PDB file of N, CA and C in Angstrom:
ATOM      1  N   UNK A   1     -13.200  33.779  26.585  1.00  0.00           N
ATOM      2  CA  UNK A   1     -12.497  32.874  25.946  1.00  0.00           C
ATOM      3  C   UNK A   1     -13.371  31.658  25.212  1.00  0.00           C
ATOM      4  N   UNK A   2     -12.761  31.322  24.225  1.00  0.00           N
ATOM      5  CA  UNK A   2     -13.511  29.873  23.768  1.00  0.00           C
ATOM      6  C   UNK A   2     -12.316  28.732  23.328  1.00  0.00           C
ATOM      7  N   UNK A   3     -12.710  27.885  23.643  1.00  0.00           N
ATOM      8  CA  UNK A   3     -11.724  26.624  23.128  1.00  0.00           C
ATOM      9  C   UNK A   3     -12.551  25.521  22.403  1.00  0.00           C
ATOM     10  N   UNK A   4     -12.092  25.236  21.422  1.00  0.00           N
ATOM     11  CA  UNK A   4     -12.778  24.141  20.434  1.00  0.00           C
ATOM     12  C   UNK A   4     -11.822  22.868  20.524  1.00  0.00           C
ATOM     13  N   UNK A   5     -12.372  21.772  20.998  1.00  0.00           N
ATOM     14  CA  UNK A   5     -11.603  20.511  20.705  1.00  0.00           C
ATOM     15  C   UNK A   5     -11.896  19.915  19.322  1.00  0.00           C
ATOM     16  N   UNK A   6     -11.127  20.046  18.364  1.00  0.00           N
ATOM     17  CA  UNK A   6     -11.338  19.278  17.169  1.00  0.00           C
ATOM     18  C   UNK A   6     -10.419  18.225  16.656  1.00  0.00           C
ATOM     19  N   UNK A   7      -9.909  17.586  18.136  1.00  0.00           N
ATOM     20  CA  UNK A   7      -8.954  16.437  17.938  1.00  0.00           C
ATOM     21  C   UNK A   7      -9.993  15.252  17.033  1.00  0.00           C
ATOM     22  N   UNK A   8     -11.039  14.953  17.611  1.00  0.00           N
ATOM     23  CA  UNK A   8     -11.522  13.673  16.786  1.00  0.00           C
ATOM     24  C   UNK A   8     -12.014  14.002  15.315  1.00  0.00           C
ATOM     25  N   UNK A   9     -12.338  15.225  14.940  1.00  0.00           N
ATOM     26  CA  UNK A   9     -12.655  15.462  13.468  1.00  0.00           C
ATOM     27  C   UNK A   9     -11.266  15.494  12.719  1.00  0.00           C
ATOM     28  N   UNK A  10     -10.127  15.956  13.471  1.00  0.00           N
ATOM     29  CA  UNK A  10      -8.688  15.923  12.726  1.00  0.00           C
ATOM     30  C   UNK A  10      -8.419  14.244  12.603  1.00  0.00           C
ATOM     31  N   UNK A  11      -8.689  13.629  13.547  1.00  0.00           N
ATOM     32  CA  UNK A  11      -8.196  12.144  13.485  1.00  0.00           C
ATOM     33  C   UNK A  11      -8.976  11.400  12.682  1.00  0.00           C
ATOM     34  N   UNK A  12     -10.442  11.673  12.489  1.00  0.00           N
ATOM     35  CA  UNK A  12     -11.127  10.945  11.222  1.00  0.00           C
ATOM     36  C   UNK A  12     -10.743  11.243   9.857  1.00  0.00           C
ATOM     37  N   UNK A  13     -10.267  12.743   9.746  1.00  0.00           N
ATOM     38  CA  UNK A  13      -9.840  12.936   8.389  1.00  0.00           C
ATOM     39  C   UNK A  13      -8.710  12.514   8.141  1.00  0.00           C
ATOM     40  N   UNK A  14      -7.851  12.313   9.204  1.00  0.00           N
ATOM     41  CA  UNK A  14      -6.423  11.283   8.969  1.00  0.00           C
ATOM     42  C   UNK A  14      -6.512  10.260   8.557  1.00  0.00           C
ATOM     43  N   UNK A  15      -7.624   9.229   9.323  1.00  0.00           N
ATOM     44  CA  UNK A  15      -7.955   7.965   9.198  1.00  0.00           C
ATOM     45  C   UNK A  15      -8.348   7.926   7.639  1.00  0.00           C
ATOM     46  N   UNK A  16      -9.478   8.789   7.209  1.00  0.00           N
ATOM     47  CA  UNK A  16      -9.818   8.681   5.746  1.00  0.00           C
ATOM     48  C   UNK A  16      -8.787   8.762   4.854  1.00  0.00           C
ATOM     49  N   UNK A  17      -7.760  10.048   5.176  1.00  0.00           N
ATOM     50  CA  UNK A  17      -6.916  10.139   4.064  1.00  0.00           C
ATOM     51  C   UNK A  17      -6.014   8.949   4.129  1.00  0.00           C
ATOM     52  N   UNK A  18      -5.765   8.321   5.166  1.00  0.00           N
ATOM     53  CA  UNK A  18      -4.846   7.099   5.096  1.00  0.00           C
ATOM     54  C   UNK A  18      -5.258   5.918   4.528  1.00  0.00           C
ATOM     55  N   UNK A  19      -6.811   5.688   4.739  1.00  0.00           N
ATOM     56  CA  UNK A  19      -7.495   4.726   3.920  1.00  0.00           C
ATOM     57  C   UNK A  19      -7.283   4.794   2.569  1.00  0.00           C
ATOM     58  N   UNK A  20      -7.535   5.902   2.041  1.00  0.00           N
ATOM     59  CA  UNK A  20      -7.370   6.537   0.596  1.00  0.00           C
ATOM     60  C   UNK A  20      -6.078   6.103   0.282  1.00  0.00           C
ATOM     61  N   UNK A  21      -4.954   6.536   0.768  1.00  0.00           N
ATOM     62  CA  UNK A  21      -3.563   6.264   0.251  1.00  0.00           C
ATOM     63  C   UNK A  21      -3.464   4.728   0.264  1.00  0.00           C
ATOM     64  N   UNK A  22      -4.007   3.937   1.049  1.00  0.00           N
ATOM     65  CA  UNK A  22      -3.609   2.481   1.393  1.00  0.00           C
ATOM     66  C   UNK A  22      -4.309   1.871   0.164  1.00  0.00           C
ATOM     67  N   UNK A  23      -5.447   2.232  -0.120  1.00  0.00           N
ATOM     68  CA  UNK A  23      -6.475   1.560  -1.094  1.00  0.00           C
ATOM     69  C   UNK A  23      -5.682   1.771  -2.447  1.00  0.00           C
ATOM     70  N   UNK A  24      -5.153   3.317  -2.740  1.00  0.00           N
ATOM     71  CA  UNK A  24      -4.275   3.615  -3.854  1.00  0.00           C
ATOM     72  C   UNK A  24      -3.049   2.706  -4.163  1.00  0.00           C
ATOM     73  N   UNK A  25      -2.436   2.570  -3.034  1.00  0.00           N
ATOM     74  CA  UNK A  25      -1.118   1.717  -3.002  1.00  0.00           C
ATOM     75  C   UNK A  25      -1.380   0.204  -3.454  1.00  0.00           C
ATOM     76  N   UNK A  26      -2.375  -0.163  -2.740  1.00  0.00           N
ATOM     77  CA  UNK A  26      -2.993  -1.499  -2.954  1.00  0.00           C
ATOM     78  C   UNK A  26      -3.279  -1.627  -4.391  1.00  0.00           C
ATOM     79  N   UNK A  27      -3.860  -0.782  -5.071  1.00  0.00           N
ATOM     80  CA  UNK A  27      -4.409  -0.909  -6.421  1.00  0.00           C
ATOM     81  C   UNK A  27      -3.138  -0.872  -7.266  1.00  0.00           C
ATOM     82  N   UNK A  28      -2.185  -0.157  -6.845  1.00  0.00           N
ATOM     83  CA  UNK A  28      -1.158  -0.067  -7.958  1.00  0.00           C
ATOM     84  C   UNK A  28      -0.207  -1.185  -7.796  1.00  0.00           C
ATOM     85  N   UNK A  29      -0.102  -1.661  -6.625  1.00  0.00           N
ATOM     86  CA  UNK A  29       0.606  -3.008  -6.464  1.00  0.00           C
ATOM     87  C   UNK A  29      -0.082  -4.215  -7.379  1.00  0.00           C
ATOM     88  N   UNK A  30      -1.127  -4.051  -7.163  1.00  0.00           N
ATOM     89  CA  UNK A  30      -1.946  -5.149  -8.112  1.00  0.00           C
ATOM     90  C   UNK A  30      -1.747  -4.945  -9.557  1.00  0.00           C
ATOM     91  N   UNK A  31      -1.973  -3.641 -10.068  1.00  0.00           N
ATOM     92  CA  UNK A  31      -1.709  -3.239 -11.461  1.00  0.00           C
ATOM     93  C   UNK A  31      -0.404  -3.612 -11.862  1.00  0.00           C
ATOM     94  N   UNK A  32       0.568  -3.351 -10.798  1.00  0.00           N
ATOM     95  CA  UNK A  32       2.113  -3.420 -11.495  1.00  0.00           C
ATOM     96  C   UNK A  32       2.777  -4.601 -10.891  1.00  0.00           C
ATOM     97  N   UNK A  33       2.574  -5.619 -10.309  1.00  0.00           N
ATOM     98  CA  UNK A  33       2.961  -6.942  -9.832  1.00  0.00           C
ATOM     99  C   UNK A  33       3.187  -7.605 -11.299  1.00  0.00           C
ATOM    100  N   UNK A  34       4.427  -8.096 -11.382  1.00  0.00           N
ATOM    101  CA  UNK A  34       4.837  -8.881 -12.767  1.00  0.00           C
ATOM    102  C   UNK A  34       4.067 -10.257 -12.684  1.00  0.00           C
ATOM    103  N   UNK A  35       3.608 -10.673 -13.927  1.00  0.00           N
ATOM    104  CA  UNK A  35       2.547 -11.842 -13.867  1.00  0.00           C
ATOM    105  C   UNK A  35       3.357 -12.820 -14.826  1.00  0.00           C
ATOM    106  N   UNK A  36       3.285 -13.892 -14.266  1.00  0.00           N
ATOM    107  CA  UNK A  36       3.900 -15.286 -14.988  1.00  0.00           C
ATOM    108  C   UNK A  36       2.534 -16.056 -14.715  1.00  0.00           C
ATOM    109  N   UNK A  37       2.211 -16.717 -13.450  1.00  0.00           N
ATOM    110  CA  UNK A  37       1.303 -17.445 -13.004  1.00  0.00           C
ATOM    111  C   UNK A  37       0.267 -16.794 -12.592  1.00  0.00           C
ATOM    112  N   UNK A  38       0.471 -15.534 -12.109  1.00  0.00           N
ATOM    113  CA  UNK A  38      -0.554 -14.740 -11.422  1.00  0.00           C
ATOM    114  C   UNK A  38      -0.583 -14.884  -9.798  1.00  0.00           C
ATOM    115  N   UNK A  39       0.338 -15.732  -9.207  1.00  0.00           N
ATOM    116  CA  UNK A  39       0.355 -15.923  -7.926  1.00  0.00           C
ATOM    117  C   UNK A  39       0.686 -14.859  -7.159  1.00  0.00           C
ATOM    118  N   UNK A  40       1.851 -14.010  -7.607  1.00  0.00           N
ATOM    119  CA  UNK A  40       2.321 -12.750  -6.784  1.00  0.00           C
ATOM    120  C   UNK A  40       1.378 -11.818  -6.655  1.00  0.00           C
ATOM    121  N   UNK A  41       0.618 -11.599  -7.993  1.00  0.00           N
ATOM    122  CA  UNK A  41      -0.641 -10.465  -7.935  1.00  0.00           C
ATOM    123  C   UNK A  41      -1.408 -10.994  -6.751  1.00  0.00           C
ATOM    124  N   UNK A  42      -1.825 -12.246  -6.957  1.00  0.00           N
ATOM    125  CA  UNK A  42      -3.000 -12.697  -5.982  1.00  0.00           C
ATOM    126  C   UNK A  42      -2.443 -12.690  -4.533  1.00  0.00           C
ATOM    127  N   UNK A  43      -1.461 -12.589  -4.222  1.00  0.00           N
ATOM    128  CA  UNK A  43      -0.799 -12.784  -2.897  1.00  0.00           C
ATOM    129  C   UNK A  43      -0.809 -11.381  -2.175  1.00  0.00           C
ATOM    130  N   UNK A  44      -1.275 -10.164  -2.703  1.00  0.00           N
ATOM    131  CA  UNK A  44      -1.231  -8.919  -1.962  1.00  0.00           C
ATOM    132  C   UNK A  44      -2.667  -9.181  -0.992  1.00  0.00           C
ATOM    133  N   UNK A  45      -2.392  -8.597   0.208  1.00  0.00           N
ATOM    134  CA  UNK A  45      -3.448  -8.333   1.112  1.00  0.00           C
ATOM    135  C   UNK A  45      -3.493  -7.190   1.600  1.00  0.00           C
ATOM    136  N   UNK A  46      -4.577  -6.482   1.892  1.00  0.00           N
ATOM    137  CA  UNK A  46      -5.160  -5.245   2.573  1.00  0.00           C
ATOM    138  C   UNK A  46      -5.740  -5.635   3.921  1.00  0.00           C
ATOM    139  N   UNK A  47      -4.996  -5.095   5.037  1.00  0.00           N
ATOM    140  CA  UNK A  47      -5.639  -5.172   6.167  1.00  0.00           C
ATOM    141  C   UNK A  47      -5.905  -3.806   6.910  1.00  0.00           C
ATOM    142  N   UNK A  48      -7.239  -3.272   7.046  1.00  0.00           N
ATOM    143  CA  UNK A  48      -7.129  -2.077   7.668  1.00  0.00           C
ATOM    144  C   UNK A  48      -7.957  -2.059   9.082  1.00  0.00           C
ATOM    145  N   UNK A  49      -8.009  -3.266   9.456  1.00  0.00           N
ATOM    146  CA  UNK A  49      -9.034  -3.549  10.410  1.00  0.00           C
ATOM    147  C   UNK A  49      -8.737  -2.971  11.850  1.00  0.00           C
ATOM    148  N   UNK A  50      -7.136  -2.526  11.920  1.00  0.00           N
ATOM    149  CA  UNK A  50      -6.742  -1.988  13.112  1.00  0.00           C
ATOM    150  C   UNK A  50      -7.143  -0.788  13.306  1.00  0.00           C
ATOM    151  N   UNK A  51      -7.166   0.227  14.475  1.00  0.00           N
ATOM    152  CA  UNK A  51      -7.502   1.491  14.599  1.00  0.00           C
ATOM    153  C   UNK A  51      -6.392   2.180  13.961  1.00  0.00           C
ATOM    154  N   UNK A  52      -5.120   1.739  14.256  1.00  0.00           N
ATOM    155  CA  UNK A  52      -4.036   2.824  13.882  1.00  0.00           C
ATOM    156  C   UNK A  52      -3.067   2.379  12.787  1.00  0.00           C
ATOM    157  N   UNK A  53      -3.428   1.078  12.347  1.00  0.00           N
ATOM    158  CA  UNK A  53      -2.316   0.429  11.628  1.00  0.00           C
ATOM    159  C   UNK A  53      -3.157  -0.072  10.391  1.00  0.00           C
ATOM    160  N   UNK A  54      -2.511   0.244   9.226  1.00  0.00           N
ATOM    161  CA  UNK A  54      -2.987  -0.389   7.951  1.00  0.00           C
ATOM    162  C   UNK A  54      -1.897  -1.035   7.256  1.00  0.00           C
ATOM    163  N   UNK A  55      -2.156  -2.393   6.838  1.00  0.00           N
ATOM    164  CA  UNK A  55      -0.886  -3.211   6.576  1.00  0.00           C
ATOM    165  C   UNK A  55      -1.164  -3.843   5.086  1.00  0.00           C
ATOM    166  N   UNK A  56      -0.034  -3.635   4.228  1.00  0.00           N
ATOM    167  CA  UNK A  56      -0.312  -4.247   2.901  1.00  0.00           C
ATOM    168  C   UNK A  56       0.800  -5.400   2.757  1.00  0.00           C
ATOM    169  N   UNK A  57       0.400  -6.516   2.366  1.00  0.00           N
ATOM    170  CA  UNK A  57       1.512  -7.685   2.435  1.00  0.00           C
ATOM    171  C   UNK A  57       1.261  -8.374   1.520  1.00  0.00           C
ATOM    172  N   UNK A  58       2.473  -9.155   1.213  1.00  0.00           N
ATOM    173  CA  UNK A  58       2.272 -10.289   0.087  1.00  0.00           C
ATOM    174  C   UNK A  58       3.436 -11.416   0.742  1.00  0.00           C
ATOM    175  N   UNK A  59       2.793 -12.649   0.832  1.00  0.00           N
ATOM    176  CA  UNK A  59       3.610 -13.713   1.426  1.00  0.00           C
ATOM    177  C   UNK A  59       4.092 -14.606   0.673  1.00  0.00           C
ATOM    178  N   UNK A  60       4.046 -14.284  -0.774  1.00  0.00           N
ATOM    179  CA  UNK A  60       4.638 -15.274  -1.794  1.00  0.00           C
ATOM    180  C   UNK A  60       5.934 -15.322  -1.608  1.00  0.00           C
ATOM    181  N   UNK A  61       6.558 -16.375  -1.742  1.00  0.00           N
ATOM    182  CA  UNK A  61       8.107 -16.522  -1.283  1.00  0.00           C
ATOM    183  C   UNK A  61       9.065 -15.610  -2.319  1.00  0.00           C
ATOM    184  N   UNK A  62       8.698 -15.453  -3.450  1.00  0.00           N
ATOM    185  CA  UNK A  62       9.750 -14.855  -4.227  1.00  0.00           C
ATOM    186  C   UNK A  62       9.285 -13.204  -4.636  1.00  0.00           C
ATOM    187  N   UNK A  63       8.387 -12.864  -3.773  1.00  0.00           N
ATOM    188  CA  UNK A  63       8.006 -11.554  -3.844  1.00  0.00           C
ATOM    189  C   UNK A  63       9.192 -10.389  -3.768  1.00  0.00           C
ATOM    190  N   UNK A  64      10.048 -10.688  -2.781  1.00  0.00           N
ATOM    191  CA  UNK A  64      11.215  -9.921  -2.858  1.00  0.00           C
ATOM    192  C   UNK A  64      12.161  -9.755  -3.971  1.00  0.00           C
ATOM    193  N   UNK A  65      12.032 -11.039  -4.635  1.00  0.00           N
ATOM    194  CA  UNK A  65      13.095 -10.912  -5.951  1.00  0.00           C
ATOM    195  C   UNK A  65      12.380 -10.115  -6.758  1.00  0.00           C
ATOM    196  N   UNK A  66      11.005 -10.279  -6.967  1.00  0.00           N
ATOM    197  CA  UNK A  66      10.229  -9.398  -7.817  1.00  0.00           C
ATOM    198  C   UNK A  66      10.637  -8.056  -7.549  1.00  0.00           C
ATOM    199  N   UNK A  67      10.611  -7.532  -6.346  1.00  0.00           N
ATOM    200  CA  UNK A  67      10.549  -6.257  -5.699  1.00  0.00           C
ATOM    201  C   UNK A  67      12.071  -5.567  -6.206  1.00  0.00           C
ATOM    202  N   UNK A  68      12.980  -6.398  -6.277  1.00  0.00           N
ATOM    203  CA  UNK A  68      14.231  -6.143  -6.725  1.00  0.00           C
ATOM    204  C   UNK A  68      14.810  -6.214  -8.095  1.00  0.00           C
ATOM    205  N   UNK A  69      13.630  -6.626  -9.188  1.00  0.00           N
ATOM    206  CA  UNK A  69      14.073  -6.537 -10.318  1.00  0.00           C
ATOM    207  C   UNK A  69      14.167  -7.885 -11.277  1.00  0.00           C
ATOM    208  N   UNK A  70      13.831  -8.875 -10.545  1.00  0.00           N
ATOM    209  CA  UNK A  70      14.202 -10.152 -10.919  1.00  0.00           C
ATOM    210  C   UNK A  70      13.223 -10.555 -12.269  1.00  0.00           C
ATOM    211  N   UNK A  71      12.271  -9.800 -12.318  1.00  0.00           N
ATOM    212  CA  UNK A  71      11.360  -9.813 -13.841  1.00  0.00           C
ATOM    213  C   UNK A  71      11.588  -8.816 -14.579  1.00  0.00           C
ATOM    214  N   UNK A  72      11.627  -9.109 -15.868  1.00  0.00           N
ATOM    215  CA  UNK A  72      11.571  -8.158 -16.728  1.00  0.00           C
ATOM    216  C   UNK A  72      10.520  -6.953 -17.044  1.00  0.00           C
ATOM    217  N   UNK A  73       9.494  -7.497 -16.310  1.00  0.00           N
ATOM    218  CA  UNK A  73       8.273  -6.732 -16.439  1.00  0.00           C
ATOM    219  C   UNK A  73       8.006  -5.627 -15.369  1.00  0.00           C
ATOM    220  N   UNK A  74       9.112  -5.525 -14.321  1.00  0.00           N
ATOM    221  CA  UNK A  74       8.982  -4.429 -13.425  1.00  0.00           C
ATOM    222  C   UNK A  74      10.511  -4.125 -13.008  1.00  0.00           C
ATOM    223  N   UNK A  75      10.912  -2.867 -12.965  1.00  0.00           N
ATOM    224  CA  UNK A  75      12.319  -2.364 -12.474  1.00  0.00           C
ATOM    225  C   UNK A  75      12.523  -2.850 -11.232  1.00  0.00           C
ATOM    226  N   UNK A  76      13.829  -2.787 -10.623  1.00  0.00           N
ATOM    227  CA  UNK A  76      14.259  -2.852  -9.514  1.00  0.00           C
ATOM    228  C   UNK A  76      13.613  -1.508  -8.656  1.00  0.00           C
ATOM    229  N   UNK A  77      12.915  -1.847  -7.444  1.00  0.00           N
ATOM    230  CA  UNK A  77      12.402  -0.628  -6.899  1.00  0.00           C
ATOM    231  C   UNK A  77      11.133  -0.280  -6.964  1.00  0.00           C
ATOM    232  N   UNK A  78      10.364  -1.111  -7.798  1.00  0.00           N
ATOM    233  CA  UNK A  78       9.025  -0.556  -8.351  1.00  0.00           C
ATOM    234  C   UNK A  78       7.904  -0.578  -7.056  1.00  0.00           C
ATOM    235  N   UNK A  79       8.337  -1.335  -5.935  1.00  0.00           N
ATOM    236  CA  UNK A  79       7.225  -1.085  -4.925  1.00  0.00           C
ATOM    237  C   UNK A  79       7.562   0.041  -4.216  1.00  0.00           C
ATOM    238  N   UNK A  80       8.663   0.338  -3.710  1.00  0.00           N
ATOM    239  CA  UNK A  80       9.283   1.606  -3.231  1.00  0.00           C
ATOM    240  C   UNK A  80       8.647   2.866  -3.939  1.00  0.00           C
ATOM    241  N   UNK A  81       8.758   2.697  -5.338  1.00  0.00           N
ATOM    242  CA  UNK A  81       8.388   3.704  -6.287  1.00  0.00           C
ATOM    243  C   UNK A  81       6.903   4.205  -6.128  1.00  0.00           C
ATOM    244  N   UNK A  82       6.167   3.061  -6.043  1.00  0.00           N
ATOM    245  CA  UNK A  82       4.549   3.336  -5.722  1.00  0.00           C
ATOM    246  C   UNK A  82       4.277   3.746  -4.548  1.00  0.00           C
ATOM    247  N   UNK A  83       4.972   3.305  -3.436  1.00  0.00           N
ATOM    248  CA  UNK A  83       4.632   4.154  -2.073  1.00  0.00           C
ATOM    249  C   UNK A  83       5.089   5.292  -2.245  1.00  0.00           C
ATOM    250  N   UNK A  84       6.334   5.736  -2.728  1.00  0.00           N
ATOM    251  CA  UNK A  84       6.854   7.149  -2.661  1.00  0.00           C
ATOM    252  C   UNK A  84       5.607   8.153  -3.376  1.00  0.00           C
ATOM    253  N   UNK A  85       5.605   7.296  -4.644  1.00  0.00           N
ATOM    254  CA  UNK A  85       4.447   8.248  -5.492  1.00  0.00           C
ATOM    255  C   UNK A  85       3.240   8.604  -4.523  1.00  0.00           C
ATOM    256  N   UNK A  86       2.545   7.591  -3.835  1.00  0.00           N
ATOM    257  CA  UNK A  86       1.326   8.063  -3.385  1.00  0.00           C
ATOM    258  C   UNK A  86       1.158   8.337  -2.119  1.00  0.00           C
ATOM    259  N   UNK A  87       2.515   8.556  -1.383  1.00  0.00           N
ATOM    260  CA  UNK A  87       2.634   9.457  -0.281  1.00  0.00           C
ATOM    261  C   UNK A  87       3.390  10.662  -0.294  1.00  0.00           C
ATOM    262  N   UNK A  88       3.359  11.332  -1.475  1.00  0.00           N
ATOM    263  CA  UNK A  88       3.967  12.657  -1.580  1.00  0.00           C
ATOM    264  C   UNK A  88       2.959  13.436  -1.027  1.00  0.00           C
TER     265      UNK A  88
END
């Protein structure tokens, strides 16, 4: 019998793919964020310093309104569309 433990290789590949997806989502959010003053676009941050958690965040107070179509530049649900597209 032979037993091969490939857990670490699989975990490394999964992390690399997760990083790639996160970077693509982050880039798409930057590209698609409606711009008036540029504050919302500049508000995006990506934190992948955790071992199991990758966080993309925007703390601009009105980002939720932009996400629901407040601006004519982006439709309601544009953030979810980006995430759905990149995680298919």
